[in-house]
C-alpha atoms as a PDB file:
ATOM      1  CA  MET A   1      -8.324 -25.519  34.915  1.00  0.00           C
ATOM      2  CA  ARG A   2     -11.828 -26.325  36.007  1.00  0.00           C
ATOM      3  CA  SER A   3     -14.433 -23.854  37.300  1.00  0.00           C
ATOM      4  CA  LEU A   4     -16.849 -24.793  40.269  1.00  0.00           C
ATOM      5  CA  SER A   5     -19.568 -25.889  37.722  1.00  0.00           C
ATOM      6  CA  GLY A   6     -16.959 -28.528  36.667  1.00  0.00           C
ATOM      7  CA  THR A   7     -16.667 -27.102  33.175  1.00  0.00           C
ATOM      8  CA  ARG A   8     -13.352 -26.604  31.505  1.00  0.00           C
ATOM      9  CA  ARG A   9     -11.940 -23.009  31.177  1.00  0.00           C
ATOM     10  CA  GLY A  10      -9.129 -21.664  29.053  1.00  0.00           C
ATOM     11  CA  PHE A  11      -8.502 -21.643  25.399  1.00  0.00           C
ATOM     12  CA  GLY A  12      -9.435 -24.920  24.483  1.00  0.00           C
ATOM     13  CA  SER A  13      -7.490 -27.165  22.207  1.00  0.00           C
ATOM     14  CA  PRO A  14      -3.303 -26.974  22.017  1.00  0.00           C
ATOM     15  CA  ALA A  15      -4.054 -26.154  18.271  1.00  0.00           C
ATOM     16  CA  ARG A  16      -6.309 -23.322  19.178  1.00  0.00           C
ATOM     17  CA  THR A  17      -3.746 -21.852  21.491  1.00  0.00           C
ATOM     18  CA  GLN A  18      -0.928 -22.118  18.973  1.00  0.00           C
ATOM     19  CA  ILE A  19      -3.062 -20.249  16.294  1.00  0.00           C
ATOM     20  CA  LEU A  20      -3.927 -17.525  19.010  1.00  0.00           C
ATOM     21  CA  LEU A  21      -0.328 -17.236  19.872  1.00  0.00           C
ATOM     22  CA  ILE A  22       0.665 -16.826  16.289  1.00  0.00           C
ATOM     23  CA  LEU A  23      -2.033 -14.257  15.585  1.00  0.00           C
ATOM     24  CA  LEU A  24      -0.951 -12.103  18.525  1.00  0.00           C
ATOM     25  CA  THR A  25       2.857 -12.334  17.516  1.00  0.00           C
ATOM     26  CA  THR A  26       2.209 -11.339  14.020  1.00  0.00           C
ATOM     27  CA  SER A  27      -0.151  -8.545  14.879  1.00  0.00           C
ATOM     28  CA  LEU A  28       2.288  -7.259  17.449  1.00  0.00           C
ATOM     29  CA  THR A  29       5.297  -7.066  15.228  1.00  0.00           C
ATOM     30  CA  SER A  30       3.366  -5.604  12.089  1.00  0.00           C
ATOM     31  CA  TRP A  31       1.957  -2.807  14.360  1.00  0.00           C
ATOM     32  CA  GLY A  32       5.481  -1.711  15.086  1.00  0.00           C
ATOM     33  CA  GLN A  33       6.536  -1.111  11.454  1.00  0.00           C
ATOM     34  CA  SER A  34       5.893   1.925   9.454  1.00  0.00           C
ATOM     35  CA  ALA A  35       5.129   2.318   5.881  1.00  0.00           C
ATOM     36  CA  ARG A  36       8.126   2.768   3.520  1.00  0.00           C
ATOM     37  CA  THR A  37       9.060   6.152   2.480  1.00  0.00           C
ATOM     38  CA  THR A  38       9.021   6.847  -1.348  1.00  0.00           C
ATOM     39  CA  SER A  39      11.283   8.889  -3.366  1.00  0.00           C
ATOM     40  CA  LYS A  40       8.256  10.975  -4.425  1.00  0.00           C
ATOM     41  CA  GLU A  41       7.593  11.857  -0.703  1.00  0.00           C
ATOM     42  CA  LEU A  42      11.068  12.666   0.070  1.00  0.00           C
ATOM     43  CA  LYS A  43      11.571  14.830  -3.100  1.00  0.00           C
ATOM     44  CA  ALA A  44       8.656  16.888  -2.024  1.00  0.00           C
ATOM     45  CA  LEU A  45      10.155  17.343   1.434  1.00  0.00           C
ATOM     46  CA  PHE A  46      13.477  18.435   0.073  1.00  0.00           C
ATOM     47  CA  LYS A  47      11.701  20.919  -2.515  1.00  0.00           C
ATOM     48  CA  GLU A  48       9.675  22.155   0.515  1.00  0.00           C
ATOM     49  CA  SER A  49      13.056  22.670   2.404  1.00  0.00           C
ATOM     50  CA  GLU A  50      14.153  24.709  -0.817  1.00  0.00           C
ATOM     51  CA  GLU A  51      11.202  26.953  -1.209  1.00  0.00           C
ATOM     52  CA  LYS A  52      10.475  27.559   2.653  1.00  0.00           C
ATOM     53  CA  TYR A  53      13.210  29.717   3.999  1.00  0.00           C
ATOM     54  CA  GLY A  54      12.506  29.605   7.857  1.00  0.00           C
ATOM     55  CA  LEU A  55      12.701  26.868  10.684  1.00  0.00           C
ATOM     56  CA  THR A  56      12.426  23.992   8.235  1.00  0.00           C
ATOM     57  CA  ASN A  57      14.759  24.529   5.541  1.00  0.00           C
ATOM     58  CA  LEU A  58      17.955  23.084   7.145  1.00  0.00           C
ATOM     59  CA  TRP A  59      18.440  19.485   7.589  1.00  0.00           C
ATOM     60  CA  ILE A  60      20.891  19.264  10.712  1.00  0.00           C
ATOM     61  CA  ALA A  61      23.021  16.332  12.166  1.00  0.00           C
ATOM     62  CA  CYS A  62      25.167  16.289  15.226  1.00  0.00           C
ATOM     63  CA  ASN A  63      28.772  15.876  14.325  1.00  0.00           C
ATOM     64  CA  ASP A  64      30.907  15.701  17.855  1.00  0.00           C
ATOM     65  CA  ASP A  65      33.938  13.605  17.141  1.00  0.00           C
ATOM     66  CA  SER A  66      33.103  13.663  13.635  1.00  0.00           C
ATOM     67  CA  SER A  67      30.140  11.433  14.123  1.00  0.00           C
ATOM     68  CA  TYR A  68      28.628  12.317  10.972  1.00  0.00           C
ATOM     69  CA  PHE A  69      31.533  11.122   8.736  1.00  0.00           C
ATOM     70  CA  LYS A  70      32.468   7.945  10.957  1.00  0.00           C
ATOM     71  CA  SER A  71      29.147   6.557  11.985  1.00  0.00           C
ATOM     72  CA  ASP A  72      27.303   3.928   9.790  1.00  0.00           C
ATOM     73  CA  THR A  73      23.969   5.674  10.803  1.00  0.00           C
ATOM     74  CA  VAL A  74      23.252   9.480  10.149  1.00  0.00           C
ATOM     75  CA  ARG A  75      19.838  10.864  11.660  1.00  0.00           C
ATOM     76  CA  LEU A  76      19.046  14.591  10.092  1.00  0.00           C
ATOM     77  CA  PHE A  77      16.438  16.664  11.635  1.00  0.00           C
ATOM     78  CA  ASN A  78      14.724  19.426   9.443  1.00  0.00           C
ATOM     79  CA  HIS A  79      14.154  22.093  12.219  1.00  0.00           C
ATOM     80  CA  VAL A  80      16.402  24.666  13.238  1.00  0.00           C
ATOM     81  CA  ASN A  81      15.491  24.481  16.740  1.00  0.00           C
ATOM     82  CA  TYR A  82      17.376  21.081  16.945  1.00  0.00           C
ATOM     83  CA  TYR A  83      20.341  23.067  17.579  1.00  0.00           C
ATOM     84  CA  TYR A  84      18.766  23.617  21.217  1.00  0.00           C
ATOM     85  CA  HIS A  85      17.289  20.125  21.632  1.00  0.00           C
ATOM     86  CA  SER A  86      20.416  18.240  20.678  1.00  0.00           C
ATOM     87  CA  ASP A  87      21.584  16.724  24.082  1.00  0.00           C
ATOM     88  CA  GLY A  88      24.541  18.651  24.553  1.00  0.00           C
ATOM     89  CA  CYS A  89      26.069  18.455  20.765  1.00  0.00           C
ATOM     90  CA  CYS A  90      28.104  21.319  19.778  1.00  0.00           C
ATOM     91  CA  LYS A  91      29.183  20.592  16.350  1.00  0.00           C
ATOM     92  CA  PHE A  92      26.748  20.107  13.541  1.00  0.00           C
ATOM     93  CA  ILE A  93      26.890  19.200   9.917  1.00  0.00           C
ATOM     94  CA  LYS A  94      24.044  21.276   7.965  1.00  0.00           C
ATOM     95  CA  TRP A  95      22.767  20.462   4.678  1.00  0.00           C
ATOM     96  CA  GLU A  96      20.959  23.683   3.433  1.00  0.00           C
ATOM     97  CA  PHE A  97      18.926  23.248   0.215  1.00  0.00           C
ATOM     98  CA  GLN A  98      19.420  25.597  -2.711  1.00  0.00           C
ATOM     99  CA  ARG A  99      17.852  24.179  -5.703  1.00  0.00           C
ATOM    100  CA  ARG A 100      17.115  21.038  -7.571  1.00  0.00           C
ATOM    101  CA  LEU A 101      18.709  18.624  -5.001  1.00  0.00           C
ATOM    102  CA  THR A 102      21.603  21.027  -4.488  1.00  0.00           C
ATOM    103  CA  ILE A 103      22.871  21.706  -1.101  1.00  0.00           C
ATOM    104  CA  THR A 104      25.309  23.962   0.777  1.00  0.00           C
ATOM    105  CA  PHE A 105      27.226  21.476   3.031  1.00  0.00           C
ATOM    106  CA  ASN A 106      28.821  22.945   6.080  1.00  0.00           C
ATOM    107  CA  GLU A 107      29.957  22.540   9.621  1.00  0.00           C
ATOM    108  CA  SER A 108      28.431  24.694  12.445  1.00  0.00           C
ATOM    109  CA  ARG A 109      29.958  25.049  15.939  1.00  0.00           C
ATOM    110  CA  MET A 110      27.438  26.421  18.332  1.00  0.00           C
ATOM    111  CA  CYS A 111      29.104  26.318  21.707  1.00  0.00           C
ATOM    112  CA  THR A 112      31.519  28.872  20.823  1.00  0.00           C
ATOM    113  CA  GLU A 113      30.919  32.698  21.097  1.00  0.00           C
ATOM    114  CA  PRO A 114      30.269  33.659  18.490  1.00  0.00           C
ATOM    115  CA  PRO A 115      29.063  30.422  16.701  1.00  0.00           C
ATOM    116  CA  ARG A 116      31.467  29.665  13.954  1.00  0.00           C
ATOM    117  CA  ALA A 117      30.737  27.724  10.464  1.00  0.00           C
ATOM    118  CA  THR A 118      33.092  25.930   8.039  1.00  0.00           C
ATOM    119  CA  LEU A 119      31.705  25.906   4.525  1.00  0.00           C
ATOM    120  CA  PHE A 120      32.490  22.518   2.546  1.00  0.00           C
ATOM    121  CA  GLY A 121      30.866  23.694  -0.454  1.00  0.00           C
ATOM    122  CA  LEU A 122      27.967  22.563  -2.651  1.00  0.00           C
ATOM    123  CA  ARG A 123      26.780  19.039  -3.122  1.00  0.00           C
ATOM    124  CA  LYS A 124      24.595  17.639  -5.606  1.00  0.00           C
ATOM    125  CA  ILE A 125      22.287  14.805  -4.378  1.00  0.00           C
ATOM    126  CA  LYS A 126      21.307  11.944  -6.630  1.00  0.00           C
ATOM    127  CA  MET A 127      18.217  10.007  -5.609  1.00  0.00           C
ATOM    128  CA  THR A 128      17.678   6.507  -6.778  1.00  0.00           C
ATOM    129  CA  GLU A 129      14.934   4.038  -6.076  1.00  0.00           C
ATOM    130  CA  ASP A 130      15.294   0.380  -6.574  1.00  0.00           C
ATOM    131  CA  LYS A 131      12.883  -2.367  -5.249  1.00  0.00           C
ATOM    132  CA  GLY A 132      11.427   0.351  -2.684  1.00  0.00           C
ATOM    133  CA  GLU A 133      15.051   1.063  -1.528  1.00  0.00           C
ATOM    134  CA  ILE A 134      15.899   4.630  -1.664  1.00  0.00           C
ATOM    135  CA  ASP A 135      19.694   5.491  -2.286  1.00  0.00           C
ATOM    136  CA  LEU A 136      21.264   9.228  -1.882  1.00  0.00           C
ATOM    137  CA  GLU A 137      24.510   9.768  -3.368  1.00  0.00           C
ATOM    138  CA  LEU A 138      26.145  13.228  -2.755  1.00  0.00           C
ATOM    139  CA  SER A 139      28.888  14.340  -4.969  1.00  0.00           C
ATOM    140  CA  SER A 140      31.285  17.439  -4.955  1.00  0.00           C
ATOM    141  CA  SER A 141      32.671  18.687  -8.407  1.00  0.00           C
ATOM    142  CA  GLY A 142      31.827  15.496  -9.907  1.00  0.00           C
ATOM    143  CA  GLN A 143      33.380  13.223  -7.251  1.00  0.00           C
ATOM    144  CA  ARG A 144      31.094  11.063  -4.797  1.00  0.00           C
ATOM    145  CA  ALA A 145      31.274  12.270  -1.584  1.00  0.00           C
ATOM    146  CA  ASP A 146      29.061  10.142   0.327  1.00  0.00           C
ATOM    147  CA  LYS A 147      26.528   7.586  -0.378  1.00  0.00           C
ATOM    148  CA  PHE A 148      23.463   6.778   2.074  1.00  0.00           C
ATOM    149  CA  ARG A 149      20.427   4.535   2.074  1.00  0.00           C
ATOM    150  CA  VAL A 150      17.033   5.762   3.694  1.00  0.00           C
ATOM    151  CA  VAL A 151      16.107   3.833   6.408  1.00  0.00           C
ATOM    152  CA  GLY A 152      13.404   5.686   7.913  1.00  0.00           C
ATOM    153  CA  LEU A 153      11.458   8.841   7.896  1.00  0.00           C
ATOM    154  CA  SER A 154       9.634   9.910  11.211  1.00  0.00           C
ATOM    155  CA  THR A 155       8.990  13.096  13.200  1.00  0.00           C
ATOM    156  CA  LYS A 156       9.855  14.008  16.655  1.00  0.00           C
ATOM    157  CA  GLU A 157       8.482  16.725  18.753  1.00  0.00           C
ATOM    158  CA  LEU A 158      11.297  18.911  19.781  1.00  0.00           C
ATOM    159  CA  TRP A 159       9.538  20.140  22.806  1.00  0.00           C
ATOM    160  CA  PRO A 160       6.113  19.099  24.191  1.00  0.00           C
ATOM    161  CA  GLY A 161       3.505  21.026  22.674  1.00  0.00           C
ATOM    162  CA  GLY A 162       6.131  22.780  20.552  1.00  0.00           C
ATOM    163  CA  HIS A 163       7.769  22.544  17.198  1.00  0.00           C
ATOM    164  CA  VAL A 164       7.985  19.165  15.335  1.00  0.00           C
ATOM    165  CA  SER A 165      10.836  17.962  13.028  1.00  0.00           C
ATOM    166  CA  ASN A 166      11.160  15.390  10.436  1.00  0.00           C
ATOM    167  CA  VAL A 167      13.756  12.875  11.096  1.00  0.00           C
ATOM    168  CA  LEU A 168      15.584  11.349   8.221  1.00  0.00           C
ATOM    169  CA  THR A 169      17.519   8.315   8.975  1.00  0.00           C
ATOM    170  CA  LEU A 170      20.232   7.342   6.521  1.00  0.00           C
ATOM    171  CA  LYS A 171      22.615   3.965   6.494  1.00  0.00           C
ATOM    172  CA  ARG A 172      26.014   4.829   5.102  1.00  0.00           C
ATOM    173  CA  LEU A 173      26.869   2.712   2.242  1.00  0.00           C
ATOM    174  CA  THR A 174      30.452   1.816   1.100  1.00  0.00           C
ATOM    175  CA  LYS A 175      32.302   4.059  -1.291  1.00  0.00           C
END
């Protein structure tokens, strides 16, 4: 492309154009990635859930159609107001932290009057970290119940200008 003065405008040589495209592509893909969660950060969040009774001591996942048990990916929210911001979900699995990575594991049905809950019992969480990957193994009475890999930890605003929840995304590992 030439301007009115006859000089060439643009990026210059093809090599320069390729370098520019490579820089743009790598910067855009790396911008979308977040830092990995460490087991230390996750333990601190779980400990806070254990100590802080109130809006954020529960970790809740939608369980309509038994999706908690059947899906390969589970998202847990640690704010009680997720019950009211879950896009029509009526059944929930709830992890309620008791002490030292021990949770009360139950299912709540919020669309019935009065709401009902089924207690599945206590679960121990064993957390391991290897090469930056964090695995959570839930066991009941010494038997492994579930095993997950942590694939993300983020935050989500439940209402504009309102409550914020941590969102723990887990990938189910085979038993």
